[in-house]
């Protein structure tokens, strides 16, 4: 599990599209702060289907960064 605090851009030489997986989310509060948690699950080929593989948490600051990045990457969503 990871709480994202800061996001920085990098340049990669090789990029590829990954296999699709299921994702769920929840919104919760802790110590007076709101968090968005995204949980991804293994692909259909995994032995342990339905098990959370990664959890990513965003606080308000990192959610603001993600929102800006999404709007830059997909300008038609503005």
C-alpha atoms as a PDB file:
ATOM      1  CA  UNK A   1       0.000   0.000   0.000  1.00  0.00           C
ATOM      2  CA  UNK A   2       1.223   3.484  -0.747  1.00  0.00           C
ATOM      3  CA  UNK A   3       0.117   7.005   0.150  1.00  0.00           C
ATOM      4  CA  UNK A   4       1.178   9.249  -2.709  1.00  0.00           C
ATOM      5  CA  UNK A   5       2.536  12.589  -1.520  1.00  0.00           C
ATOM      6  CA  UNK A   6       4.283  13.908  -4.613  1.00  0.00           C
ATOM      7  CA  UNK A   7       4.273  13.055  -8.296  1.00  0.00           C
ATOM      8  CA  UNK A   8       7.161  13.762 -10.647  1.00  0.00           C
ATOM      9  CA  UNK A   9       7.371  13.277 -14.387  1.00  0.00           C
ATOM     10  CA  UNK A  10       9.937  10.967 -15.968  1.00  0.00           C
ATOM     11  CA  UNK A  11      10.740  10.085 -19.565  1.00  0.00           C
ATOM     12  CA  UNK A  12      10.686   6.392 -20.448  1.00  0.00           C
ATOM     13  CA  UNK A  13      12.246   4.844 -23.510  1.00  0.00           C
ATOM     14  CA  UNK A  14       9.697   2.044 -23.747  1.00  0.00           C
ATOM     15  CA  UNK A  15       6.017   2.183 -22.931  1.00  0.00           C
ATOM     16  CA  UNK A  16       3.386  -0.480 -23.358  1.00  0.00           C
ATOM     17  CA  UNK A  17      -0.255  -0.946 -22.498  1.00  0.00           C
ATOM     18  CA  UNK A  18      -0.791  -3.342 -19.600  1.00  0.00           C
ATOM     19  CA  UNK A  19      -3.455  -6.017 -19.393  1.00  0.00           C
ATOM     20  CA  UNK A  20      -6.737  -4.748 -17.951  1.00  0.00           C
ATOM     21  CA  UNK A  21      -7.560  -5.563 -14.324  1.00  0.00           C
ATOM     22  CA  UNK A  22     -10.422  -4.800 -11.976  1.00  0.00           C
ATOM     23  CA  UNK A  23     -10.224  -1.756  -9.735  1.00  0.00           C
ATOM     24  CA  UNK A  24     -12.312  -0.697  -6.758  1.00  0.00           C
ATOM     25  CA  UNK A  25     -12.205   2.452  -4.677  1.00  0.00           C
ATOM     26  CA  UNK A  26     -13.259   3.765  -1.310  1.00  0.00           C
ATOM     27  CA  UNK A  27     -13.263   7.189   0.284  1.00  0.00           C
ATOM     28  CA  UNK A  28     -12.516   7.424   3.982  1.00  0.00           C
ATOM     29  CA  UNK A  29     -11.531   9.912   6.641  1.00  0.00           C
ATOM     30  CA  UNK A  30      -8.694   9.565   9.122  1.00  0.00           C
ATOM     31  CA  UNK A  31      -7.458  12.182  11.575  1.00  0.00           C
ATOM     32  CA  UNK A  32      -9.757  14.763   9.998  1.00  0.00           C
ATOM     33  CA  UNK A  33      -8.395  14.230   6.463  1.00  0.00           C
ATOM     34  CA  UNK A  34     -10.114  12.622   3.470  1.00  0.00           C
ATOM     35  CA  UNK A  35      -8.425   9.910   1.423  1.00  0.00           C
ATOM     36  CA  UNK A  36      -9.276   8.190  -1.844  1.00  0.00           C
ATOM     37  CA  UNK A  37      -8.018   4.616  -2.056  1.00  0.00           C
ATOM     38  CA  UNK A  38      -7.782   2.673  -5.325  1.00  0.00           C
ATOM     39  CA  UNK A  39      -7.333  -1.099  -5.085  1.00  0.00           C
ATOM     40  CA  UNK A  40      -6.332  -3.142  -8.128  1.00  0.00           C
ATOM     41  CA  UNK A  41      -6.757  -6.883  -8.403  1.00  0.00           C
ATOM     42  CA  UNK A  42      -4.698  -9.484 -10.205  1.00  0.00           C
ATOM     43  CA  UNK A  43      -5.395 -10.349 -13.812  1.00  0.00           C
ATOM     44  CA  UNK A  44      -7.678 -13.264 -14.642  1.00  0.00           C
ATOM     45  CA  UNK A  45      -4.560 -15.415 -15.136  1.00  0.00           C
ATOM     46  CA  UNK A  46      -3.444 -15.024 -11.499  1.00  0.00           C
ATOM     47  CA  UNK A  47      -3.646 -17.932  -9.072  1.00  0.00           C
ATOM     48  CA  UNK A  48      -5.249 -15.878  -6.298  1.00  0.00           C
ATOM     49  CA  UNK A  49      -8.108 -14.191  -8.115  1.00  0.00           C
ATOM     50  CA  UNK A  50      -9.920 -11.437  -6.267  1.00  0.00           C
ATOM     51  CA  UNK A  51      -6.959 -10.600  -4.038  1.00  0.00           C
ATOM     52  CA  UNK A  52      -5.868  -6.963  -3.849  1.00  0.00           C
ATOM     53  CA  UNK A  53      -2.518  -6.588  -5.622  1.00  0.00           C
ATOM     54  CA  UNK A  54      -1.921  -2.871  -5.158  1.00  0.00           C
ATOM     55  CA  UNK A  55      -3.490  -0.120  -3.098  1.00  0.00           C
ATOM     56  CA  UNK A  56      -2.834   3.533  -3.826  1.00  0.00           C
ATOM     57  CA  UNK A  57      -4.044   6.281  -1.534  1.00  0.00           C
ATOM     58  CA  UNK A  58      -4.439   9.932  -2.467  1.00  0.00           C
ATOM     59  CA  UNK A  59      -4.846  12.803  -0.044  1.00  0.00           C
ATOM     60  CA  UNK A  60      -6.217  16.169  -1.153  1.00  0.00           C
ATOM     61  CA  UNK A  61      -2.830  17.438  -2.323  1.00  0.00           C
ATOM     62  CA  UNK A  62      -1.955  14.400  -4.445  1.00  0.00           C
ATOM     63  CA  UNK A  63      -5.542  14.223  -5.782  1.00  0.00           C
ATOM     64  CA  UNK A  64      -5.145  17.825  -6.934  1.00  0.00           C
ATOM     65  CA  UNK A  65      -1.928  16.847  -8.751  1.00  0.00           C
ATOM     66  CA  UNK A  66      -3.604  13.838 -10.389  1.00  0.00           C
ATOM     67  CA  UNK A  67      -6.556  15.999 -11.478  1.00  0.00           C
ATOM     68  CA  UNK A  68      -4.183  18.479 -13.132  1.00  0.00           C
ATOM     69  CA  UNK A  69      -2.232  15.687 -14.850  1.00  0.00           C
ATOM     70  CA  UNK A  70      -5.425  14.076 -16.161  1.00  0.00           C
ATOM     71  CA  UNK A  71      -6.636  17.390 -17.564  1.00  0.00           C
ATOM     72  CA  UNK A  72      -3.262  17.922 -19.268  1.00  0.00           C
ATOM     73  CA  UNK A  73      -3.145  14.392 -20.714  1.00  0.00           C
ATOM     74  CA  UNK A  74      -6.800  14.401 -21.794  1.00  0.00           C
ATOM     75  CA  UNK A  75      -7.709  18.011 -22.671  1.00  0.00           C
ATOM     76  CA  UNK A  76     -11.194  17.055 -23.881  1.00  0.00           C
ATOM     77  CA  UNK A  77     -12.121  16.207 -20.266  1.00  0.00           C
ATOM     78  CA  UNK A  78     -11.842  19.830 -19.163  1.00  0.00           C
END
